[in-house]
Amino acid sequence: LKEPSSEMIAAVAGALGIGLGGLLGGIADELNQRSLPIRRPVGPVLMAA
């Protein structure tokens, strides 16, 4: 049996008139374009040995 969430995602893709692969590819492209700032620790840092 399929998970209900996968059926909902497929329904959204169908409502948008695109295939599931196109929807997921668009989401992946959007996430890859967003740049997250690199957070570096400030002050002393304890490193595991």
C-alpha atoms as a PDB file:
ATOM      1  CA  LEU A   1       0.000   0.000   0.000  1.00  0.00           C
ATOM      2  CA  LYS A   2       1.108   3.542  -0.721  1.00  0.00           C
ATOM      3  CA  GLU A   3       1.493   6.122   1.983  1.00  0.00           C
ATOM      4  CA  PRO A   4      -1.329   8.708   1.930  1.00  0.00           C
ATOM      5  CA  SER A   5       1.258  11.476   1.696  1.00  0.00           C
ATOM      6  CA  SER A   6       2.606  10.144  -1.615  1.00  0.00           C
ATOM      7  CA  GLU A   7      -0.913  10.077  -3.022  1.00  0.00           C
ATOM      8  CA  MET A   8      -1.442  13.683  -1.937  1.00  0.00           C
ATOM      9  CA  ILE A   9       1.826  14.775  -3.570  1.00  0.00           C
ATOM     10  CA  ALA A  10       0.805  13.014  -6.784  1.00  0.00           C
ATOM     11  CA  ALA A  11      -2.601  14.760  -6.646  1.00  0.00           C
ATOM     12  CA  VAL A  12      -0.935  18.172  -6.251  1.00  0.00           C
ATOM     13  CA  ALA A  13       1.359  17.436  -9.194  1.00  0.00           C
ATOM     14  CA  GLY A  14      -1.650  16.412 -11.275  1.00  0.00           C
ATOM     15  CA  ALA A  15      -3.558  19.556 -10.292  1.00  0.00           C
ATOM     16  CA  LEU A  16      -0.590  21.650 -11.409  1.00  0.00           C
ATOM     17  CA  GLY A  17      -0.515  19.805 -14.716  1.00  0.00           C
ATOM     18  CA  ILE A  18       2.995  18.440 -14.254  1.00  0.00           C
ATOM     19  CA  GLY A  19       4.377  15.004 -13.552  1.00  0.00           C
ATOM     20  CA  LEU A  20       5.587  13.930 -10.164  1.00  0.00           C
ATOM     21  CA  GLY A  21       9.196  14.009 -11.409  1.00  0.00           C
ATOM     22  CA  GLY A  22       8.771  17.585 -12.616  1.00  0.00           C
ATOM     23  CA  LEU A  23       7.339  18.666  -9.283  1.00  0.00           C
ATOM     24  CA  LEU A  24      10.143  17.041  -7.314  1.00  0.00           C
ATOM     25  CA  GLY A  25      12.758  18.404  -9.726  1.00  0.00           C
ATOM     26  CA  GLY A  26      11.386  21.918  -9.284  1.00  0.00           C
ATOM     27  CA  ILE A  27      11.491  21.581  -5.518  1.00  0.00           C
ATOM     28  CA  ALA A  28      15.084  20.324  -5.676  1.00  0.00           C
ATOM     29  CA  ASP A  29      16.089  23.243  -7.921  1.00  0.00           C
ATOM     30  CA  GLU A  30      14.476  25.732  -5.542  1.00  0.00           C
ATOM     31  CA  LEU A  31      16.261  24.262  -2.533  1.00  0.00           C
ATOM     32  CA  ASN A  32      19.602  24.221  -4.351  1.00  0.00           C
ATOM     33  CA  GLN A  33      19.261  27.919  -5.265  1.00  0.00           C
ATOM     34  CA  ARG A  34      18.759  29.013  -1.680  1.00  0.00           C
ATOM     35  CA  SER A  35      22.017  29.752   0.030  1.00  0.00           C
ATOM     36  CA  LEU A  36      22.207  29.223   3.736  1.00  0.00           C
ATOM     37  CA  PRO A  37      24.706  31.328   5.655  1.00  0.00           C
ATOM     38  CA  ILE A  38      27.599  29.348   7.053  1.00  0.00           C
ATOM     39  CA  ARG A  39      27.475  29.616  10.815  1.00  0.00           C
ATOM     40  CA  ARG A  40      30.856  29.423  12.446  1.00  0.00           C
ATOM     41  CA  PRO A  41      31.270  29.113  16.198  1.00  0.00           C
ATOM     42  CA  VAL A  42      32.359  32.212  18.074  1.00  0.00           C
ATOM     43  CA  GLY A  43      34.785  31.927  20.961  1.00  0.00           C
ATOM     44  CA  PRO A  44      36.530  28.839  22.301  1.00  0.00           C
ATOM     45  CA  VAL A  45      35.465  25.530  20.790  1.00  0.00           C
ATOM     46  CA  LEU A  46      36.002  22.085  22.331  1.00  0.00           C
ATOM     47  CA  MET A  47      36.752  19.459  19.701  1.00  0.00           C
ATOM     48  CA  ALA A  48      36.214  15.744  20.358  1.00  0.00           C
ATOM     49  CA  ALA A  49      39.360  13.642  20.230  1.00  0.00           C
END
